[in-house]
Amino acid sequence: MKFLHPQGWKPAKGYANGVTASGQLVFTGGLVGWNGDQVFETDDFVGQCAQTFANIVAVLKEAGAGPEHLVRLTWYVTDKAEYLARQRELGEAYRQAFGRHFPAMAVVQVTALIEDRARVEIEATAVIPTA
């Protein structure tokens, strides 16, 4: 895996501009902040993000992968202002789940998600290197 930062560009904070990798691809569906029983334990934005991160890690584990294999995350959030205002807390929750691994990312604000209580939905792509 190689992170791509074009020469002369300002460093990306908390994400990579691009990633190149080869191996077995792992794709998650859009995962939300509910537990394995599909129950939301909180309506707090950062709490739902933390649960979503844990859900991503659980799906990766099923494929024999871990957070270090993530190459892309696409976030869908219902409140851009809260996402921006809670960056410090969000960063702490992110690092607890994924460590200091920052793949390519995009964040999109949406008016609603299919699950009414969901405040965030994240799709993940990982690549497990070929032995």
Protein backbone atom coordinates (compact mmCIF):
# COMPACT_ATOMS: atom_id res chain seq x y z
CA MET A 1 0.00 0.00 0.00
CA LYS A 2 1.30 3.44 -0.89
CA PHE A 3 -0.26 6.75 0.13
CA LEU A 4 -0.30 9.37 -2.61
CA HIS A 5 0.56 13.00 -1.80
CA PRO A 6 1.56 15.01 -4.88
CA GLN A 7 4.74 17.04 -4.49
CA GLY A 8 4.07 20.61 -3.50
CA TRP A 9 0.61 19.90 -2.08
CA LYS A 10 -0.20 20.91 1.46
CA PRO A 11 -0.35 17.77 3.67
CA ALA A 12 -3.80 16.24 4.09
CA LYS A 13 -5.03 16.23 7.70
CA GLY A 14 -6.60 12.96 8.84
CA TYR A 15 -6.90 11.41 5.38
CA ALA A 16 -4.84 10.55 2.30
CA ASN A 17 -5.35 12.22 -1.07
CA GLY A 18 -5.01 8.82 -2.68
CA VAL A 19 -3.90 5.25 -2.09
CA THR A 20 -2.54 2.55 -4.34
CA ALA A 21 -2.70 -1.10 -3.30
CA SER A 22 -2.93 -4.59 -4.73
CA GLY A 23 -4.46 -7.75 -3.30
CA GLN A 24 -7.87 -9.07 -2.27
CA LEU A 25 -10.55 -6.37 -2.20
CA VAL A 26 -12.99 -6.06 0.70
CA PHE A 27 -16.06 -3.81 0.41
CA THR A 28 -18.52 -3.05 3.18
CA GLY A 29 -22.05 -1.91 2.70
CA GLY A 30 -23.10 1.39 4.19
CA LEU A 31 -22.71 0.69 7.90
CA VAL A 32 -24.49 2.75 10.56
CA GLY A 33 -24.06 3.25 14.30
CA TRP A 34 -26.21 0.43 15.58
CA ASN A 35 -25.05 -2.75 17.29
CA GLY A 36 -25.10 -6.30 15.90
CA ASP A 37 -28.78 -6.62 16.83
CA GLN A 38 -29.57 -3.53 14.72
CA VAL A 39 -30.34 -1.46 17.80
CA PHE A 40 -29.10 2.12 18.24
CA GLU A 41 -27.63 2.51 21.73
CA THR A 42 -27.23 6.29 21.36
CA ASP A 43 -28.39 9.23 19.28
CA ASP A 44 -25.11 11.05 19.92
CA PHE A 45 -23.22 11.72 16.68
CA VAL A 46 -19.76 10.75 17.97
CA GLY A 47 -21.22 7.72 19.77
CA GLN A 48 -22.80 6.52 16.53
CA CYS A 49 -19.53 7.13 14.67
CA ALA A 50 -17.63 5.05 17.25
CA GLN A 51 -20.12 2.20 16.83
CA THR A 52 -19.89 2.50 13.04
CA PHE A 53 -16.09 2.24 13.27
CA ALA A 54 -16.45 -0.88 15.44
CA ASN A 55 -18.86 -2.32 12.88
CA ILE A 56 -16.35 -1.70 10.08
CA VAL A 57 -13.61 -3.44 12.08
CA ALA A 58 -15.94 -6.42 12.69
CA VAL A 59 -16.72 -6.80 8.96
CA LEU A 60 -13.03 -6.47 8.05
CA LYS A 61 -12.17 -9.16 10.59
CA GLU A 62 -14.58 -11.55 8.84
CA ALA A 63 -12.41 -11.16 5.73
CA GLY A 64 -9.15 -11.62 7.65
CA ALA A 65 -8.41 -7.90 7.40
CA GLY A 66 -7.89 -5.10 9.86
CA PRO A 67 -8.00 -1.30 9.91
CA GLU A 68 -4.48 -1.19 8.45
CA HIS A 69 -5.93 -2.59 5.21
CA LEU A 70 -8.42 0.26 4.71
CA VAL A 71 -7.83 2.22 1.51
CA ARG A 72 -11.03 4.29 1.35
CA LEU A 73 -13.88 5.49 3.57
CA THR A 74 -16.94 7.33 2.30
CA TRP A 75 -18.91 9.03 5.05
CA TYR A 76 -22.50 10.23 4.80
CA VAL A 77 -23.43 12.59 7.65
CA THR A 78 -26.71 14.32 8.38
CA ASP A 79 -25.13 17.37 10.06
CA LYS A 80 -22.00 18.92 8.57
CA ALA A 81 -21.81 21.55 11.32
CA GLU A 82 -21.71 18.90 14.06
CA TYR A 83 -19.14 16.87 12.11
CA LEU A 84 -16.88 19.93 11.94
CA ALA A 85 -17.54 21.09 15.51
CA ARG A 86 -16.71 17.71 17.05
CA GLN A 87 -13.50 16.93 15.16
CA ARG A 88 -11.43 16.42 18.32
CA GLU A 89 -13.85 13.86 19.82
CA LEU A 90 -14.34 12.24 16.43
CA GLY A 91 -10.57 11.95 15.95
CA GLU A 92 -10.22 10.24 19.33
CA ALA A 93 -12.94 7.72 18.49
CA TYR A 94 -11.41 7.16 15.04
CA ARG A 95 -7.92 6.48 16.45
CA GLN A 96 -9.31 4.09 19.08
CA ALA A 97 -10.82 1.99 16.30
CA PHE A 98 -8.36 2.43 13.42
CA GLY A 99 -5.15 3.71 15.00
CA ARG A 100 -3.19 6.27 13.03
CA HIS A 101 -4.13 4.79 9.67
CA PHE A 102 -5.70 7.44 7.43
CA PRO A 103 -6.92 6.14 4.04
CA ALA A 104 -8.48 8.19 1.27
CA MET A 105 -11.76 9.65 2.54
CA ALA A 106 -14.76 11.62 1.40
CA VAL A 107 -17.48 13.12 3.60
CA VAL A 108 -20.87 14.03 2.17
CA GLN A 109 -23.73 15.76 3.96
CA VAL A 110 -27.11 14.22 3.22
CA THR A 111 -30.58 15.31 4.26
CA ALA A 112 -31.43 11.90 5.73
CA LEU A 113 -30.35 8.28 5.89
CA ILE A 114 -32.59 5.24 5.38
CA GLU A 115 -32.46 4.39 9.10
CA ASP A 116 -34.26 7.33 10.72
CA ARG A 117 -32.09 7.36 13.88
CA ALA A 118 -28.82 7.10 11.96
CA ARG A 119 -26.65 10.22 12.05
CA VAL A 120 -23.79 8.70 10.02
CA GLU A 121 -23.31 5.94 7.46
CA ILE A 122 -19.89 4.83 6.23
CA GLU A 123 -18.81 2.62 3.34
CA ALA A 124 -15.33 1.11 3.59
CA THR A 125 -12.96 -0.42 1.08
CA ALA A 126 -9.92 -2.44 2.15
CA VAL A 127 -7.21 -4.34 0.32
CA ILE A 128 -5.57 -7.41 1.85
CA PRO A 129 -2.08 -7.71 0.33
CA THR A 130 -1.33 -10.85 -1.65
CA ALA A 131 1.16 -13.09 0.17
